[in-house]
Amino acid sequence: MIAKLDGAIPGGPRRSFAVLLEQVWAAMASTSLQPFMPLWLELASGAARGLQPHRDVAGEIADGFLAWVAIRLQPDEDGEPLAPMFLASIEGMYLLKAIGRGAIADAAVIKLASRAQ
């Protein structure tokens, strides 16, 4: 999945929260990443129930995505990393989309992106 994200959003200069959020949200809906998303939700669901190896695998995926975000995302104005907030935001929005509340998730992307500029 990270390789697909790299293809959609290559490294380079760090991006603002708003720019990276819009890029990642669009990438998650792309045909190249879409097949991975239901699998991610299955792993996360198993992890939430305490199942192994779901918890370990999902944790490793989350850690990898966090690291991927951290090297692409500009810190806030105080120099603090925003990657944890980014990860929590994108995962929450994807969960809303997965349960049929895509309009709420899309509205959240727009609102977060506008506030983060």
PDB file of N, CA and C in Angstrom:
ATOM      1  N   MET A   1       0.815  -1.182   0.000  1.00  0.00           N
ATOM      2  CA  MET A   1       0.000   0.000   0.000  1.00  0.00           C
ATOM      3  C   MET A   1       0.868   1.258   0.000  1.00  0.00           C
ATOM      4  N   ILE A   2       1.951   1.233   0.769  1.00  0.00           N
ATOM      5  CA  ILE A   2       2.846   2.391   0.805  1.00  0.00           C
ATOM      6  C   ILE A   2       3.449   2.633  -0.578  1.00  0.00           C
ATOM      7  N   ALA A   3       3.774   1.558  -1.300  1.00  0.00           N
ATOM      8  CA  ALA A   3       4.316   1.722  -2.650  1.00  0.00           C
ATOM      9  C   ALA A   3       3.301   2.408  -3.559  1.00  0.00           C
ATOM     10  N   LYS A   4       2.040   2.064  -3.411  1.00  0.00           N
ATOM     11  CA  LYS A   4       0.981   2.716  -4.202  1.00  0.00           C
ATOM     12  C   LYS A   4       0.855   4.185  -3.815  1.00  0.00           C
ATOM     13  N   LEU A   5       0.947   4.475  -2.522  1.00  0.00           N
ATOM     14  CA  LEU A   5       0.908   5.873  -2.077  1.00  0.00           C
ATOM     15  C   LEU A   5       2.110   6.643  -2.616  1.00  0.00           C
ATOM     16  N   ASP A   6       3.291   6.007  -2.589  1.00  0.00           N
ATOM     17  CA  ASP A   6       4.482   6.653  -3.140  1.00  0.00           C
ATOM     18  C   ASP A   6       4.291   6.998  -4.611  1.00  0.00           C
ATOM     19  N   GLY A   7       3.647   6.097  -5.341  1.00  0.00           N
ATOM     20  CA  GLY A   7       3.391   6.362  -6.753  1.00  0.00           C
ATOM     21  C   GLY A   7       2.418   7.512  -6.952  1.00  0.00           C
ATOM     22  N   ALA A   8       1.423   7.607  -6.093  1.00  0.00           N
ATOM     23  CA  ALA A   8       0.421   8.663  -6.208  1.00  0.00           C
ATOM     24  C   ALA A   8       0.917  10.000  -5.662  1.00  0.00           C
ATOM     25  N   ILE A   9       1.728   9.924  -4.598  1.00  0.00           N
ATOM     26  CA  ILE A   9       2.201  11.138  -3.927  1.00  0.00           C
ATOM     27  C   ILE A   9       3.686  10.961  -3.642  1.00  0.00           C
ATOM     28  N   PRO A  10       4.526  11.290  -4.616  1.00  0.00           N
ATOM     29  CA  PRO A  10       5.957  11.091  -4.423  1.00  0.00           C
ATOM     30  C   PRO A  10       6.519  11.988  -3.327  1.00  0.00           C
ATOM     31  N   GLY A  11       7.679  11.599  -2.820  1.00  0.00           N
ATOM     32  CA  GLY A  11       8.373  12.427  -1.845  1.00  0.00           C
ATOM     33  C   GLY A  11       8.792  13.735  -2.489  1.00  0.00           C
ATOM     34  N   GLY A  12       9.483  14.509  -1.766  1.00  0.00           N
ATOM     35  CA  GLY A  12       9.903  15.813  -2.254  1.00  0.00           C
ATOM     36  C   GLY A  12       9.725  16.824  -1.154  1.00  0.00           C
ATOM     37  N   PRO A  13       9.479  18.062  -1.525  1.00  0.00           N
ATOM     38  CA  PRO A  13       9.289  19.062  -0.468  1.00  0.00           C
ATOM     39  C   PRO A  13       8.096  18.700   0.415  1.00  0.00           C
ATOM     40  N   ARG A  14       8.217  19.016   1.690  1.00  0.00           N
ATOM     41  CA  ARG A  14       7.105  18.752   2.609  1.00  0.00           C
ATOM     42  C   ARG A  14       5.916  19.615   2.232  1.00  0.00           C
ATOM     43  N   ARG A  15       4.746  19.049   2.441  1.00  0.00           N
ATOM     44  CA  ARG A  15       3.511  19.718   2.074  1.00  0.00           C
ATOM     45  C   ARG A  15       2.798  20.236   3.326  1.00  0.00           C
ATOM     46  N   SER A  16       1.933  21.212   3.102  1.00  0.00           N
ATOM     47  CA  SER A  16       1.094  21.679   4.190  1.00  0.00           C
ATOM     48  C   SER A  16       0.080  20.589   4.532  1.00  0.00           C
ATOM     49  N   PHE A  17      -0.504  20.684   5.714  1.00  0.00           N
ATOM     50  CA  PHE A  17      -1.533  19.746   6.143  1.00  0.00           C
ATOM     51  C   PHE A  17      -2.651  19.699   5.109  1.00  0.00           C
ATOM     52  N   ALA A  18      -3.102  20.875   4.663  1.00  0.00           N
ATOM     53  CA  ALA A  18      -4.221  20.956   3.717  1.00  0.00           C
ATOM     54  C   ALA A  18      -3.896  20.272   2.397  1.00  0.00           C
ATOM     55  N   VAL A  19      -2.731  20.536   1.865  1.00  0.00           N
ATOM     56  CA  VAL A  19      -2.360  19.953   0.568  1.00  0.00           C
ATOM     57  C   VAL A  19      -2.230  18.438   0.682  1.00  0.00           C
ATOM     58  N   LEU A  20      -1.522  17.964   1.708  1.00  0.00           N
ATOM     59  CA  LEU A  20      -1.344  16.515   1.847  1.00  0.00           C
ATOM     60  C   LEU A  20      -2.674  15.829   2.120  1.00  0.00           C
ATOM     61  N   LEU A  21      -3.530  16.450   2.912  1.00  0.00           N
ATOM     62  CA  LEU A  21      -4.843  15.873   3.194  1.00  0.00           C
ATOM     63  C   LEU A  21      -5.639  15.678   1.899  1.00  0.00           C
ATOM     64  N   GLU A  22      -5.682  16.683   1.081  1.00  0.00           N
ATOM     65  CA  GLU A  22      -6.416  16.570  -0.186  1.00  0.00           C
ATOM     66  C   GLU A  22      -5.791  15.517  -1.096  1.00  0.00           C
ATOM     67  N   GLN A  23      -4.464  15.459  -1.138  1.00  0.00           N
ATOM     68  CA  GLN A  23      -3.789  14.474  -1.980  1.00  0.00           C
ATOM     69  C   GLN A  23      -4.043  13.049  -1.487  1.00  0.00           C
ATOM     70  N   VAL A  24      -3.938  12.834  -0.198  1.00  0.00           N
ATOM     71  CA  VAL A  24      -4.139  11.489   0.346  1.00  0.00           C
ATOM     72  C   VAL A  24      -5.594  11.071   0.203  1.00  0.00           C
ATOM     73  N   TRP A  25      -6.525  11.974   0.475  1.00  0.00           N
ATOM     74  CA  TRP A  25      -7.946  11.645   0.346  1.00  0.00           C
ATOM     75  C   TRP A  25      -8.264  11.234  -1.086  1.00  0.00           C
ATOM     76  N   ALA A  26      -7.728  11.958  -2.061  1.00  0.00           N
ATOM     77  CA  ALA A  26      -7.946  11.599  -3.467  1.00  0.00           C
ATOM     78  C   ALA A  26      -7.289  10.256  -3.793  1.00  0.00           C
ATOM     79  N   ALA A  27      -6.087  10.022  -3.279  1.00  0.00           N
ATOM     80  CA  ALA A  27      -5.383   8.766  -3.550  1.00  0.00           C
ATOM     81  C   ALA A  27      -6.137   7.573  -2.977  1.00  0.00           C
ATOM     82  N   MET A  28      -6.718   7.745  -1.790  1.00  0.00           N
ATOM     83  CA  MET A  28      -7.446   6.638  -1.166  1.00  0.00           C
ATOM     84  C   MET A  28      -8.673   6.228  -1.976  1.00  0.00           C
ATOM     85  N   ALA A  29      -9.189   7.131  -2.765  1.00  0.00           N
ATOM     86  CA  ALA A  29     -10.343   6.824  -3.603  1.00  0.00           C
ATOM     87  C   ALA A  29      -9.933   6.319  -4.990  1.00  0.00           C
ATOM     88  N   SER A  30      -8.633   6.319  -5.271  1.00  0.00           N
ATOM     89  CA  SER A  30      -8.161   5.919  -6.595  1.00  0.00           C
ATOM     90  C   SER A  30      -8.297   4.416  -6.809  1.00  0.00           C
ATOM     91  N   THR A  31      -8.328   4.020  -8.057  1.00  0.00           N
ATOM     92  CA  THR A  31      -8.462   2.597  -8.377  1.00  0.00           C
ATOM     93  C   THR A  31      -7.246   1.793  -7.918  1.00  0.00           C
ATOM     94  N   SER A  32      -6.081   2.442  -7.810  1.00  0.00           N
ATOM     95  CA  SER A  32      -4.893   1.696  -7.383  1.00  0.00           C
ATOM     96  C   SER A  32      -4.897   1.401  -5.882  1.00  0.00           C
ATOM     97  N   LEU A  33      -5.505   2.265  -5.073  1.00  0.00           N
ATOM     98  CA  LEU A  33      -5.525   2.037  -3.624  1.00  0.00           C
ATOM     99  C   LEU A  33      -6.839   1.450  -3.119  1.00  0.00           C
ATOM    100  N   GLN A  34      -7.905   1.620  -3.854  1.00  0.00           N
ATOM    101  CA  GLN A  34      -9.213   1.183  -3.384  1.00  0.00           C
ATOM    102  C   GLN A  34      -9.267  -0.296  -2.978  1.00  0.00           C
ATOM    103  N   PRO A  35      -8.616  -1.202  -3.689  1.00  0.00           N
ATOM    104  CA  PRO A  35      -8.684  -2.612  -3.275  1.00  0.00           C
ATOM    105  C   PRO A  35      -8.086  -2.890  -1.895  1.00  0.00           C
ATOM    106  N   PHE A  36      -7.172  -2.041  -1.425  1.00  0.00           N
ATOM    107  CA  PHE A  36      -6.531  -2.256  -0.131  1.00  0.00           C
ATOM    108  C   PHE A  36      -7.383  -1.778   1.038  1.00  0.00           C
ATOM    109  N   MET A  37      -8.290  -0.865   0.789  1.00  0.00           N
ATOM    110  CA  MET A  37      -8.989  -0.213   1.883  1.00  0.00           C
ATOM    111  C   MET A  37      -9.925  -1.155   2.658  1.00  0.00           C
ATOM    112  N   PRO A  38     -10.723  -2.002   2.008  1.00  0.00           N
ATOM    113  CA  PRO A  38     -11.542  -2.939   2.792  1.00  0.00           C
ATOM    114  C   PRO A  38     -10.693  -3.912   3.618  1.00  0.00           C
ATOM    115  N   LEU A  39      -9.560  -4.318   3.081  1.00  0.00           N
ATOM    116  CA  LEU A  39      -8.655  -5.187   3.830  1.00  0.00           C
ATOM    117  C   LEU A  39      -8.142  -4.468   5.070  1.00  0.00           C
ATOM    118  N   TRP A  40      -7.815  -3.195   4.921  1.00  0.00           N
ATOM    119  CA  TRP A  40      -7.360  -2.406   6.061  1.00  0.00           C
ATOM    120  C   TRP A  40      -8.445  -2.359   7.142  1.00  0.00           C
ATOM    121  N   LEU A  41      -9.674  -2.158   6.743  1.00  0.00           N
ATOM    122  CA  LEU A  41     -10.764  -2.119   7.719  1.00  0.00           C
ATOM    123  C   LEU A  41     -10.960  -3.470   8.403  1.00  0.00           C
ATOM    124  N   GLU A  42     -10.789  -4.556   7.664  1.00  0.00           N
ATOM    125  CA  GLU A  42     -10.880  -5.893   8.272  1.00  0.00           C
ATOM    126  C   GLU A  42      -9.782  -6.095   9.315  1.00  0.00           C
ATOM    127  N   LEU A  43      -8.568  -5.695   8.979  1.00  0.00           N
ATOM    128  CA  LEU A  43      -7.467  -5.811   9.931  1.00  0.00           C
ATOM    129  C   LEU A  43      -7.720  -4.953  11.167  1.00  0.00           C
ATOM    130  N   ALA A  44      -8.170  -3.722  10.943  1.00  0.00           N
ATOM    131  CA  ALA A  44      -8.440  -2.815  12.062  1.00  0.00           C
ATOM    132  C   ALA A  44      -9.566  -3.351  12.941  1.00  0.00           C
ATOM    133  N   SER A  45     -10.579  -3.925  12.318  1.00  0.00           N
ATOM    134  CA  SER A  45     -11.694  -4.492  13.067  1.00  0.00           C
ATOM    135  C   SER A  45     -11.223  -5.661  13.938  1.00  0.00           C
ATOM    136  N   GLY A  46     -10.415  -6.523  13.365  1.00  0.00           N
ATOM    137  CA  GLY A  46      -9.868  -7.636  14.140  1.00  0.00           C
ATOM    138  C   GLY A  46      -8.979  -7.137  15.269  1.00  0.00           C
ATOM    139  N   ALA A  47      -8.181  -6.122  14.989  1.00  0.00           N
ATOM    140  CA  ALA A  47      -7.313  -5.545  16.023  1.00  0.00           C
ATOM    141  C   ALA A  47      -8.142  -4.957  17.156  1.00  0.00           C
ATOM    142  N   ALA A  48      -9.256  -4.318  16.809  1.00  0.00           N
ATOM    143  CA  ALA A  48     -10.127  -3.728  17.831  1.00  0.00           C
ATOM    144  C   ALA A  48     -10.727  -4.798  18.739  1.00  0.00           C
ATOM    145  N   ARG A  49     -10.887  -5.998  18.202  1.00  0.00           N
ATOM    146  CA  ARG A  49     -11.404  -7.115  19.005  1.00  0.00           C
ATOM    147  C   ARG A  49     -10.289  -7.872  19.721  1.00  0.00           C
ATOM    148  N   GLY A  50      -9.044  -7.403  19.563  1.00  0.00           N
ATOM    149  CA  GLY A  50      -7.911  -8.032  20.239  1.00  0.00           C
ATOM    150  C   GLY A  50      -7.360  -9.252  19.539  1.00  0.00           C
ATOM    151  N   LEU A  51      -7.755  -9.485  18.299  1.00  0.00           N
ATOM    152  CA  LEU A  51      -7.282 -10.668  17.569  1.00  0.00           C
ATOM    153  C   LEU A  51      -5.836 -10.492  17.119  1.00  0.00           C
ATOM    154  N   GLN A  52      -5.120 -11.607  17.157  1.00  0.00           N
ATOM    155  CA  GLN A  52      -3.771 -11.648  16.597  1.00  0.00           C
ATOM    156  C   GLN A  52      -3.803 -12.576  15.393  1.00  0.00           C
ATOM    157  N   PRO A  53      -3.087 -12.332  14.372  1.00  0.00           N
ATOM    158  CA  PRO A  53      -2.064 -11.308  14.225  1.00  0.00           C
ATOM    159  C   PRO A  53      -2.622  -9.955  13.777  1.00  0.00           C
ATOM    160  N   HIS A  54      -3.936  -9.800  13.738  1.00  0.00           N
ATOM    161  CA  HIS A  54      -4.542  -8.550  13.269  1.00  0.00           C
ATOM    162  C   HIS A  54      -3.948  -7.329  13.967  1.00  0.00           C
ATOM    163  N   ARG A  55      -3.863  -7.402  15.299  1.00  0.00           N
ATOM    164  CA  ARG A  55      -3.387  -6.246  16.063  1.00  0.00           C
ATOM    165  C   ARG A  55      -1.950  -5.894  15.683  1.00  0.00           C
ATOM    166  N   ASP A  56      -1.094  -6.880  15.585  1.00  0.00           N
ATOM    167  CA  ASP A  56       0.306  -6.613  15.235  1.00  0.00           C
ATOM    168  C   ASP A  56       0.428  -6.080  13.809  1.00  0.00           C
ATOM    169  N   VAL A  57      -0.270  -6.720  12.880  1.00  0.00           N
ATOM    170  CA  VAL A  57      -0.184  -6.301  11.477  1.00  0.00           C
ATOM    171  C   VAL A  57      -0.767  -4.901  11.299  1.00  0.00           C
ATOM    172  N   ALA A  58      -1.935  -4.650  11.872  1.00  0.00           N
ATOM    173  CA  ALA A  58      -2.555  -3.329  11.750  1.00  0.00           C
ATOM    174  C   ALA A  58      -1.673  -2.262  12.395  1.00  0.00           C
ATOM    175  N   GLY A  59      -1.064  -2.584  13.520  1.00  0.00           N
ATOM    176  CA  GLY A  59      -0.161  -1.638  14.171  1.00  0.00           C
ATOM    177  C   GLY A  59       1.047  -1.311  13.312  1.00  0.00           C
ATOM    178  N   GLU A  60       1.596  -2.332  12.666  1.00  0.00           N
ATOM    179  CA  GLU A  60       2.733  -2.099  11.776  1.00  0.00           C
ATOM    180  C   GLU A  60       2.338  -1.253  10.578  1.00  0.00           C
ATOM    181  N   ILE A  61       1.165  -1.496  10.033  1.00  0.00           N
ATOM    182  CA  ILE A  61       0.688  -0.688   8.910  1.00  0.00           C
ATOM    183  C   ILE A  61       0.491   0.753   9.345  1.00  0.00           C
ATOM    184  N   ALA A  62      -0.144   0.955  10.497  1.00  0.00           N
ATOM    185  CA  ALA A  62      -0.362   2.316  11.001  1.00  0.00           C
ATOM    186  C   ALA A  62       0.970   3.021  11.254  1.00  0.00           C
ATOM    187  N   ASP A  63       1.937   2.308  11.840  1.00  0.00           N
ATOM    188  CA  ASP A  63       3.257   2.900  12.083  1.00  0.00           C
ATOM    189  C   ASP A  63       3.927   3.286  10.764  1.00  0.00           C
ATOM    190  N   GLY A  64       3.795   2.418   9.756  1.00  0.00           N
ATOM    191  CA  GLY A  64       4.383   2.714   8.448  1.00  0.00           C
ATOM    192  C   GLY A  64       3.732   3.911   7.785  1.00  0.00           C
ATOM    193  N   PHE A  65       2.411   4.008   7.889  1.00  0.00           N
ATOM    194  CA  PHE A  65       1.706   5.144   7.309  1.00  0.00           C
ATOM    195  C   PHE A  65       2.071   6.424   8.052  1.00  0.00           C
ATOM    196  N   LEU A  66       2.185   6.355   9.367  1.00  0.00           N
ATOM    197  CA  LEU A  66       2.585   7.517  10.157  1.00  0.00           C
ATOM    198  C   LEU A  66       3.968   8.004   9.726  1.00  0.00           C
ATOM    199  N   ALA A  67       4.899   7.094   9.539  1.00  0.00           N
ATOM    200  CA  ALA A  67       6.245   7.467   9.093  1.00  0.00           C
ATOM    201  C   ALA A  67       6.198   8.061   7.695  1.00  0.00           C
ATOM    202  N   TRP A  68       5.363   7.496   6.823  1.00  0.00           N
ATOM    203  CA  TRP A  68       5.207   8.009   5.463  1.00  0.00           C
ATOM    204  C   TRP A  68       4.692   9.442   5.501  1.00  0.00           C
ATOM    205  N   VAL A  69       3.699   9.689   6.331  1.00  0.00           N
ATOM    206  CA  VAL A  69       3.131  11.035   6.469  1.00  0.00           C
ATOM    207  C   VAL A  69       4.177  11.990   7.039  1.00  0.00           C
ATOM    208  N   ALA A  70       4.897  11.558   8.058  1.00  0.00           N
ATOM    209  CA  ALA A  70       5.848  12.427   8.759  1.00  0.00           C
ATOM    210  C   ALA A  70       6.910  13.001   7.832  1.00  0.00           C
ATOM    211  N   ILE A  71       7.337  12.248   6.830  1.00  0.00           N
ATOM    212  CA  ILE A  71       8.372  12.782   5.931  1.00  0.00           C
ATOM    213  C   ILE A  71       7.801  13.648   4.818  1.00  0.00           C
ATOM    214  N   ARG A  72       6.476  13.702   4.700  1.00  0.00           N
ATOM    215  CA  ARG A  72       5.837  14.514   3.660  1.00  0.00           C
ATOM    216  C   ARG A  72       5.122  15.752   4.202  1.00  0.00           C
ATOM    217  N   LEU A  73       4.923  15.803   5.497  1.00  0.00           N
ATOM    218  CA  LEU A  73       4.088  16.836   6.096  1.00  0.00           C
ATOM    219  C   LEU A  73       4.924  17.886   6.809  1.00  0.00           C
ATOM    220  N   GLN A  74       4.618  19.141   6.526  1.00  0.00           N
ATOM    221  CA  GLN A  74       5.277  20.236   7.225  1.00  0.00           C
ATOM    222  C   GLN A  74       4.832  20.238   8.692  1.00  0.00           C
ATOM    223  N   PRO A  75       5.725  20.620   9.601  1.00  0.00           N
ATOM    224  CA  PRO A  75       5.305  20.764  10.997  1.00  0.00           C
ATOM    225  C   PRO A  75       4.411  21.991  11.150  1.00  0.00           C
ATOM    226  N   ASP A  76       3.793  22.124  12.315  1.00  0.00           N
ATOM    227  CA  ASP A  76       2.974  23.311  12.538  1.00  0.00           C
ATOM    228  C   ASP A  76       3.869  24.532  12.758  1.00  0.00           C
ATOM    229  N   GLU A  77       3.247  25.672  13.012  1.00  0.00           N
ATOM    230  CA  GLU A  77       4.011  26.922  13.127  1.00  0.00           C
ATOM    231  C   GLU A  77       4.986  26.925  14.304  1.00  0.00           C
ATOM    232  N   ASP A  78       4.779  26.058  15.282  1.00  0.00           N
ATOM    233  CA  ASP A  78       5.701  25.939  16.418  1.00  0.00           C
ATOM    234  C   ASP A  78       6.741  24.849  16.205  1.00  0.00           C
ATOM    235  N   GLY A  79       6.735  24.245  15.027  1.00  0.00           N
ATOM    236  CA  GLY A  79       7.682  23.178  14.734  1.00  0.00           C
ATOM    237  C   GLY A  79       7.258  21.813  15.232  1.00  0.00           C
ATOM    238  N   GLU A  80       6.040  21.705  15.751  1.00  0.00           N
ATOM    239  CA  GLU A  80       5.541  20.433  16.266  1.00  0.00           C
ATOM    240  C   GLU A  80       5.051  19.547  15.117  1.00  0.00           C
ATOM    241  N   PRO A  81       5.293  18.240  15.203  1.00  0.00           N
ATOM    242  CA  PRO A  81       4.828  17.342  14.135  1.00  0.00           C
ATOM    243  C   PRO A  81       3.304  17.236  14.125  1.00  0.00           C
ATOM    244  N   LEU A  82       2.756  17.192  12.935  1.00  0.00           N
ATOM    245  CA  LEU A  82       1.311  17.070  12.751  1.00  0.00           C
ATOM    246  C   LEU A  82       0.899  15.683  12.276  1.00  0.00           C
ATOM    247  N   ALA A  83       1.868  14.797  12.071  1.00  0.00           N
ATOM    248  CA  ALA A  83       1.560  13.482  11.516  1.00  0.00           C
ATOM    249  C   ALA A  83       0.551  12.689  12.351  1.00  0.00           C
ATOM    250  N   PRO A  84       0.629  12.665  13.688  1.00  0.00           N
ATOM    251  CA  PRO A  84      -0.380  11.911  14.448  1.00  0.00           C
ATOM    252  C   PRO A  84      -1.802  12.446  14.234  1.00  0.00           C
ATOM    253  N   MET A  85      -1.953  13.766  14.209  1.00  0.00           N
ATOM    254  CA  MET A  85      -3.273  14.350  13.974  1.00  0.00           C
ATOM    255  C   MET A  85      -3.754  14.038  12.550  1.00  0.00           C
ATOM    256  N   PHE A  86      -2.826  14.071  11.604  1.00  0.00           N
ATOM    257  CA  PHE A  86      -3.167  13.753  10.225  1.00  0.00           C
ATOM    258  C   PHE A  86      -3.673  12.315  10.127  1.00  0.00           C
ATOM    259  N   LEU A  87      -2.935  11.389  10.731  1.00  0.00           N
ATOM    260  CA  LEU A  87      -3.310   9.976  10.680  1.00  0.00           C
ATOM    261  C   LEU A  87      -4.685   9.759  11.301  1.00  0.00           C
ATOM    262  N   ALA A  88      -4.920  10.340  12.471  1.00  0.00           N
ATOM    263  CA  ALA A  88      -6.221  10.192  13.126  1.00  0.00           C
ATOM    264  C   ALA A  88      -7.340  10.779  12.273  1.00  0.00           C
ATOM    265  N   SER A  89      -7.072  11.892  11.638  1.00  0.00           N
ATOM    266  CA  SER A  89      -8.091  12.541  10.800  1.00  0.00           C
ATOM    267  C   SER A  89      -8.430  11.691   9.586  1.00  0.00           C
ATOM    268  N   ILE A  90      -7.427  11.261   8.856  1.00  0.00           N
ATOM    269  CA  ILE A  90      -7.681  10.526   7.614  1.00  0.00           C
ATOM    270  C   ILE A  90      -8.322   9.172   7.900  1.00  0.00           C
ATOM    271  N   GLU A  91      -7.907   8.521   8.969  1.00  0.00           N
ATOM    272  CA  GLU A  91      -8.496   7.225   9.313  1.00  0.00           C
ATOM    273  C   GLU A  91      -9.953   7.387   9.744  1.00  0.00           C
ATOM    274  N   GLY A  92     -10.234   8.401  10.534  1.00  0.00           N
ATOM    275  CA  GLY A  92     -11.617   8.647  10.942  1.00  0.00           C
ATOM    276  C   GLY A  92     -12.509   8.977   9.764  1.00  0.00           C
ATOM    277  N   MET A  93     -11.997   9.777   8.847  1.00  0.00           N
ATOM    278  CA  MET A  93     -12.792  10.127   7.669  1.00  0.00           C
ATOM    279  C   MET A  93     -13.021   8.912   6.787  1.00  0.00           C
ATOM    280  N   TYR A  94     -11.994   8.063   6.663  1.00  0.00           N
ATOM    281  CA  TYR A  94     -12.196   6.869   5.849  1.00  0.00           C
ATOM    282  C   TYR A  94     -13.220   5.931   6.482  1.00  0.00           C
ATOM    283  N   LEU A  95     -13.204   5.798   7.788  1.00  0.00           N
ATOM    284  CA  LEU A  95     -14.195   4.967   8.463  1.00  0.00           C
ATOM    285  C   LEU A  95     -15.604   5.500   8.198  1.00  0.00           C
ATOM    286  N   LEU A  96     -15.776   6.799   8.275  1.00  0.00           N
ATOM    287  CA  LEU A  96     -17.091   7.383   7.966  1.00  0.00           C
ATOM    288  C   LEU A  96     -17.517   7.049   6.538  1.00  0.00           C
ATOM    289  N   LYS A  97     -16.584   7.170   5.608  1.00  0.00           N
ATOM    290  CA  LYS A  97     -16.897   6.841   4.219  1.00  0.00           C
ATOM    291  C   LYS A  97     -17.282   5.369   4.086  1.00  0.00           C
ATOM    292  N   ALA A  98     -16.545   4.502   4.772  1.00  0.00           N
ATOM    293  CA  ALA A  98     -16.786   3.058   4.679  1.00  0.00           C
ATOM    294  C   ALA A  98     -18.153   2.656   5.226  1.00  0.00           C
ATOM    295  N   ILE A  99     -18.673   3.412   6.188  1.00  0.00           N
ATOM    296  CA  ILE A  99     -19.983   3.067   6.746  1.00  0.00           C
ATOM    297  C   ILE A  99     -21.119   3.834   6.067  1.00  0.00           C
ATOM    298  N   GLY A 100     -20.813   4.376   4.896  1.00  0.00           N
ATOM    299  CA  GLY A 100     -21.852   5.030   4.119  1.00  0.00           C
ATOM    300  C   GLY A 100     -22.068   6.493   4.448  1.00  0.00           C
ATOM    301  N   ARG A 101     -21.123   7.104   5.097  1.00  0.00           N
ATOM    302  CA  ARG A 101     -21.228   8.522   5.445  1.00  0.00           C
ATOM    303  C   ARG A 101     -20.141   9.330   4.746  1.00  0.00           C
ATOM    304  N   GLY A 102     -19.995   9.060   3.452  1.00  0.00           N
ATOM    305  CA  GLY A 102     -18.991   9.741   2.633  1.00  0.00           C
ATOM    306  C   GLY A 102     -19.181  11.242   2.578  1.00  0.00           C
ATOM    307  N   ALA A 103     -20.420  11.707   2.600  1.00  0.00           N
ATOM    308  CA  ALA A 103     -20.672  13.151   2.558  1.00  0.00           C
ATOM    309  C   ALA A 103     -20.108  13.834   3.809  1.00  0.00           C
ATOM    310  N   ILE A 104     -20.228  13.174   4.959  1.00  0.00           N
ATOM    311  CA  ILE A 104     -19.677  13.736   6.195  1.00  0.00           C
ATOM    312  C   ILE A 104     -18.149  13.776   6.096  1.00  0.00           C
ATOM    313  N   ALA A 105     -17.567  12.696   5.598  1.00  0.00           N
ATOM    314  CA  ALA A 105     -16.113  12.636   5.450  1.00  0.00           C
ATOM    315  C   ALA A 105     -15.617  13.687   4.476  1.00  0.00           C
ATOM    316  N   ASP A 106     -16.298  13.829   3.345  1.00  0.00           N
ATOM    317  CA  ASP A 106     -15.894  14.837   2.356  1.00  0.00           C
ATOM    318  C   ASP A 106     -15.997  16.243   2.939  1.00  0.00           C
ATOM    319  N   ALA A 107     -17.055  16.499   3.698  1.00  0.00           N
ATOM    320  CA  ALA A 107     -17.219  17.811   4.336  1.00  0.00           C
ATOM    321  C   ALA A 107     -16.091  18.051   5.341  1.00  0.00           C
ATOM    322  N   ALA A 108     -15.693  17.011   6.054  1.00  0.00           N
ATOM    323  CA  ALA A 108     -14.605  17.144   7.019  1.00  0.00           C
ATOM    324  C   ALA A 108     -13.287  17.444   6.314  1.00  0.00           C
ATOM    325  N   VAL A 109     -13.030  16.788   5.188  1.00  0.00           N
ATOM    326  CA  VAL A 109     -11.819  17.066   4.427  1.00  0.00           C
ATOM    327  C   VAL A 109     -11.781  18.534   4.022  1.00  0.00           C
ATOM    328  N   ILE A 110     -12.888  19.028   3.499  1.00  0.00           N
ATOM    329  CA  ILE A 110     -12.963  20.423   3.054  1.00  0.00           C
ATOM    330  C   ILE A 110     -12.738  21.369   4.235  1.00  0.00           C
ATOM    331  N   LYS A 111     -13.391  21.105   5.348  1.00  0.00           N
ATOM    332  CA  LYS A 111     -13.276  21.981   6.525  1.00  0.00           C
ATOM    333  C   LYS A 111     -11.854  21.942   7.100  1.00  0.00           C
ATOM    334  N   LEU A 112     -11.316  20.738   7.257  1.00  0.00           N
ATOM    335  CA  LEU A 112      -9.940  20.635   7.783  1.00  0.00           C
ATOM    336  C   LEU A 112      -8.934  21.310   6.871  1.00  0.00           C
ATOM    337  N   ALA A 113      -9.085  21.097   5.578  1.00  0.00           N
ATOM    338  CA  ALA A 113      -8.159  21.701   4.617  1.00  0.00           C
ATOM    339  C   ALA A 113      -8.247  23.228   4.661  1.00  0.00           C
ATOM    340  N   SER A 114      -9.452  23.760   4.796  1.00  0.00           N
ATOM    341  CA  SER A 114      -9.594  25.217   4.822  1.00  0.00           C
ATOM    342  C   SER A 114      -9.037  25.809   6.116  1.00  0.00           C
ATOM    343  N   ARG A 115      -9.173  25.101   7.224  1.00  0.00           N
ATOM    344  CA  ARG A 115      -8.646  25.597   8.507  1.00  0.00           C
ATOM    345  C   ARG A 115      -7.134  25.448   8.596  1.00  0.00           C
ATOM    346  N   ALA A 116      -6.599  24.499   7.873  1.00  0.00           N
ATOM    347  CA  ALA A 116      -5.160  24.222   7.964  1.00  0.00           C
ATOM    348  C   ALA A 116      -4.334  25.113   7.053  1.00  0.00           C
ATOM    349  N   GLN A 117      -4.981  25.978   6.307  1.00  0.00           N
ATOM    350  CA  GLN A 117      -4.209  26.823   5.374  1.00  0.00           C
ATOM    351  C   GLN A 117      -3.681  28.048   6.024  1.00  0.00           C
TER     352      GLN A 117
END
